[in-house]
Protein backbone atom coordinates (compact mmCIF):
# COMPACT_ATOMS: atom_id res chain seq x y z
CA UNK A 1 116.38 100.47 88.81
CA UNK A 2 115.50 103.91 90.02
CA UNK A 3 117.16 107.05 89.21
CA UNK A 4 117.18 108.98 92.02
CA UNK A 5 118.31 112.64 91.07
CA UNK A 6 120.95 114.81 91.20
CA UNK A 7 119.29 117.75 92.40
CA UNK A 8 118.08 118.73 96.11
CA UNK A 9 114.62 120.68 95.48
CA UNK A 10 113.48 122.36 92.39
CA UNK A 11 111.22 125.31 93.83
CA UNK A 12 107.60 125.42 92.96
CA UNK A 13 105.15 128.79 92.16
CA UNK A 14 102.84 128.53 93.98
CA UNK A 15 99.70 131.42 93.91
CA UNK A 16 97.25 132.07 96.58
CA UNK A 17 100.28 131.25 99.31
CA UNK A 18 99.57 133.22 102.37
CA UNK A 19 96.15 132.51 102.21
CA UNK A 20 96.68 128.57 101.65
CA UNK A 21 99.18 128.94 104.72
CA UNK A 22 95.76 130.12 107.01
CA UNK A 23 93.90 127.26 105.69
CA UNK A 24 96.80 124.86 106.56
CA UNK A 25 97.59 126.16 109.92
CA UNK A 26 94.41 124.87 110.95
CA UNK A 27 95.15 121.09 110.52
CA UNK A 28 98.35 121.67 112.73
CA UNK A 29 95.25 121.58 116.19
CA UNK A 30 93.45 118.51 114.91
CA UNK A 31 96.41 116.58 114.46
CA UNK A 32 98.72 118.20 117.52
CA UNK A 33 96.41 119.37 120.21
CA UNK A 34 99.42 120.49 122.26
CA UNK A 35 101.58 121.91 119.33
CA UNK A 36 102.48 124.95 121.57
CA UNK A 37 104.48 122.21 123.99
CA UNK A 38 105.36 119.89 120.84
CA UNK A 39 108.91 119.76 120.89
CA UNK A 40 108.92 118.43 117.19
CA UNK A 41 107.87 115.75 115.10
CA UNK A 42 106.91 113.69 111.93
CA UNK A 43 103.10 113.14 111.81
CA UNK A 44 101.43 112.01 109.27
CA UNK A 45 98.11 113.89 108.27
CA UNK A 46 95.26 112.18 106.31
CA UNK A 47 94.51 113.81 102.84
CA UNK A 48 91.06 113.37 103.13
CA UNK A 49 91.85 115.99 106.63
CA UNK A 50 93.40 118.33 103.87
CA UNK A 51 90.91 118.36 101.27
CA UNK A 52 88.46 119.39 104.36
CA UNK A 53 90.57 122.23 105.78
CA UNK A 54 92.12 123.46 102.31
CA UNK A 55 90.40 123.48 99.03
CA UNK A 56 93.66 125.22 97.88
CA UNK A 57 96.23 123.22 98.37
CA UNK A 58 94.02 120.70 96.85
CA UNK A 59 93.67 122.35 94.09
CA UNK A 60 97.56 122.65 93.63
CA UNK A 61 98.16 119.24 93.71
CA UNK A 62 95.75 119.42 90.50
CA UNK A 63 96.92 121.55 89.02
CA UNK A 64 100.31 120.08 89.83
CA UNK A 65 98.56 116.62 87.58
CA UNK A 66 99.29 114.66 90.87
CA UNK A 67 95.77 114.18 92.21
CA UNK A 68 95.93 110.54 91.53
CA UNK A 69 99.25 110.35 92.98
CA UNK A 70 98.38 112.16 96.38
CA UNK A 71 98.71 108.90 98.86
CA UNK A 72 99.79 110.83 102.23
CA UNK A 73 101.00 113.80 104.26
CA UNK A 74 102.67 114.69 106.91
CA UNK A 75 103.30 118.26 109.62
CA UNK A 76 107.24 118.21 109.87
CA UNK A 77 107.49 120.52 112.98
CA UNK A 78 110.49 121.94 115.40
CA UNK A 79 109.67 124.06 118.15
CA UNK A 80 112.65 125.13 120.92
CA UNK A 81 115.49 122.60 121.65
CA UNK A 82 114.31 120.42 118.77
CA UNK A 83 117.63 118.61 117.32
CA UNK A 84 116.74 116.61 114.28
CA UNK A 85 119.28 114.18 113.33
CA UNK A 86 120.40 113.84 109.50
CA UNK A 87 118.75 111.32 107.64
CA UNK A 88 117.09 109.54 104.61
CA UNK A 89 113.46 108.93 104.75
CA UNK A 90 113.96 105.06 103.64
CA UNK A 91 116.78 103.02 102.71
CA UNK A 92 115.25 102.33 99.45
CA UNK A 93 114.54 105.57 96.74
CA UNK A 94 112.17 103.12 95.36
CA UNK A 95 109.52 103.60 98.23
CA UNK A 96 109.83 106.49 98.86
CA UNK A 97 112.66 108.97 97.06
CA UNK A 98 110.41 112.56 96.52
CA UNK A 99 108.15 115.20 98.62
CA UNK A 100 106.14 118.21 98.24
CA UNK A 101 106.91 120.90 100.72
CA UNK A 102 104.37 123.58 101.94
CA UNK A 103 105.87 126.09 104.72
CA UNK A 104 102.78 126.08 106.94
CA UNK A 105 104.21 128.83 109.70
CA UNK A 106 107.12 130.53 111.39
CA UNK A 107 109.67 129.00 108.80
CA UNK A 108 111.67 131.91 108.49
CA UNK A 109 115.73 131.31 109.60
CA UNK A 110 114.46 127.99 108.86
CA UNK A 111 115.85 125.64 106.37
CA UNK A 112 116.11 121.90 104.99
CA UNK A 113 119.54 121.43 104.70
CA UNK A 114 121.67 118.65 102.71
CA UNK A 115 124.61 116.53 103.20
CA UNK A 116 127.34 114.32 101.71
CA UNK A 117 127.40 112.26 104.45
CA UNK A 118 127.93 107.98 104.84
CA UNK A 119 127.72 104.76 106.76
CA UNK A 120 124.50 105.12 108.29
CA UNK A 121 124.02 104.25 112.01
CA UNK A 122 121.29 103.42 112.80
CA UNK A 123 118.20 101.66 110.54
CA UNK A 124 114.99 102.10 112.44
CA UNK A 125 112.22 99.17 110.98
CA UNK A 126 108.44 100.65 110.71
CA UNK A 127 106.67 97.46 113.03
CA UNK A 128 103.46 97.63 110.72
CA UNK A 129 105.10 96.37 107.79
CA UNK A 130 108.78 96.08 108.89
CA UNK A 131 110.40 97.61 106.02
CA UNK A 132 112.87 100.32 106.37
CA UNK A 133 111.78 103.93 107.07
CA UNK A 134 114.45 105.63 108.09
CA UNK A 135 118.82 105.87 108.05
CA UNK A 136 120.71 108.87 110.77
CA UNK A 137 124.28 109.31 109.37
CA UNK A 138 126.99 110.42 111.99
CA UNK A 139 127.34 114.10 112.10
CA UNK A 140 130.58 114.79 112.82
CA UNK A 141 131.37 113.28 109.69
CA UNK A 142 128.76 114.99 107.50
CA UNK A 143 129.41 117.65 105.22
CA UNK A 144 126.71 120.46 104.19
CA UNK A 145 126.01 120.01 100.12
CA UNK A 146 122.83 122.00 99.81
CA UNK A 147 119.89 123.96 101.98
CA UNK A 148 116.69 125.31 101.15
CA UNK A 149 114.74 128.51 102.97
CA UNK A 150 111.77 126.38 104.27
CA UNK A 151 109.78 130.19 103.65
CA UNK A 152 109.91 127.90 99.80
CA UNK A 153 106.79 125.86 98.15
CA UNK A 154 109.50 122.72 96.67
CA UNK A 155 109.57 119.38 95.60
CA UNK A 156 112.76 118.08 97.35
CA UNK A 157 114.79 114.71 96.82
CA UNK A 158 114.50 113.01 100.29
CA UNK A 159 117.41 109.86 99.40
CA UNK A 160 119.97 112.93 99.38
CA UNK A 161 120.54 113.00 103.81
CA UNK A 162 119.07 115.96 105.24
CA UNK A 163 117.38 117.83 108.24
CA UNK A 164 115.64 121.09 108.85
CA UNK A 165 117.88 123.57 110.60
CA UNK A 166 115.92 126.15 112.89
CA UNK A 167 117.57 129.42 113.90
CA UNK A 168 115.02 130.10 116.08
CA UNK A 169 112.70 128.37 118.83
CA UNK A 170 108.88 129.14 118.16
CA UNK A 171 106.89 126.51 116.75
CA UNK A 172 107.69 125.89 113.17
CA UNK A 173 105.87 123.69 110.61
CA UNK A 174 105.68 121.95 106.95
CA UNK A 175 103.17 120.20 105.27
CA UNK A 176 105.06 117.46 103.47
CA UNK A 177 103.15 115.49 100.54
CA UNK A 178 103.99 112.05 99.59
CA UNK A 179 103.27 110.47 96.07
CA UNK A 180 102.15 106.48 94.71
CA UNK A 181 103.56 105.58 92.36
CA UNK A 182 106.49 107.42 92.84
CA UNK A 183 107.23 110.69 91.22
CA UNK A 184 110.68 108.59 88.81
CA UNK A 185 108.24 110.05 85.37
CA UNK A 186 107.88 113.13 86.55
CA UNK A 187 108.63 116.22 85.10
CA UNK A 188 109.76 118.66 87.07
CA UNK A 189 111.11 121.12 85.14
CA UNK A 190 114.40 120.55 85.29
């Protein structure tokens, strides 16, 4: 049985963040050509595309000792009128429990917010493999328990119900990377 973390986020100090964000920004139009009008989404990004555009990010993953475990990343975006629901990324934490998030653009006045929430209301299934992918929670009974500024580079716990919240209408993007095997044995410095 896996040990789900009791923490929601662990900050990671990142040198050259501004330069890294410039490199990562170049990925956005490659993956989301209509980024200016995009309603907000979670879109997978090929790791090789990140390696091509951002040597600084690739080096950061190496310095964290995670090169061999880094298997996928995604852009998580919001834009004006974006409302993303409270969710956990998967039902089974052994499939996906951790992510490493790095802000790319317009992350000021934006947060990842965690909630105490029960009784998921929708369970979506990935048609490619039939596995549980996202559990959504009833917003009316959820209670905020933690929040992290989206300007923070951090490992995050995706198994606690959470969502992004943005206090502006600009396009906002973060890069969220996932690892395999999951990071249950990783030293987060806790």
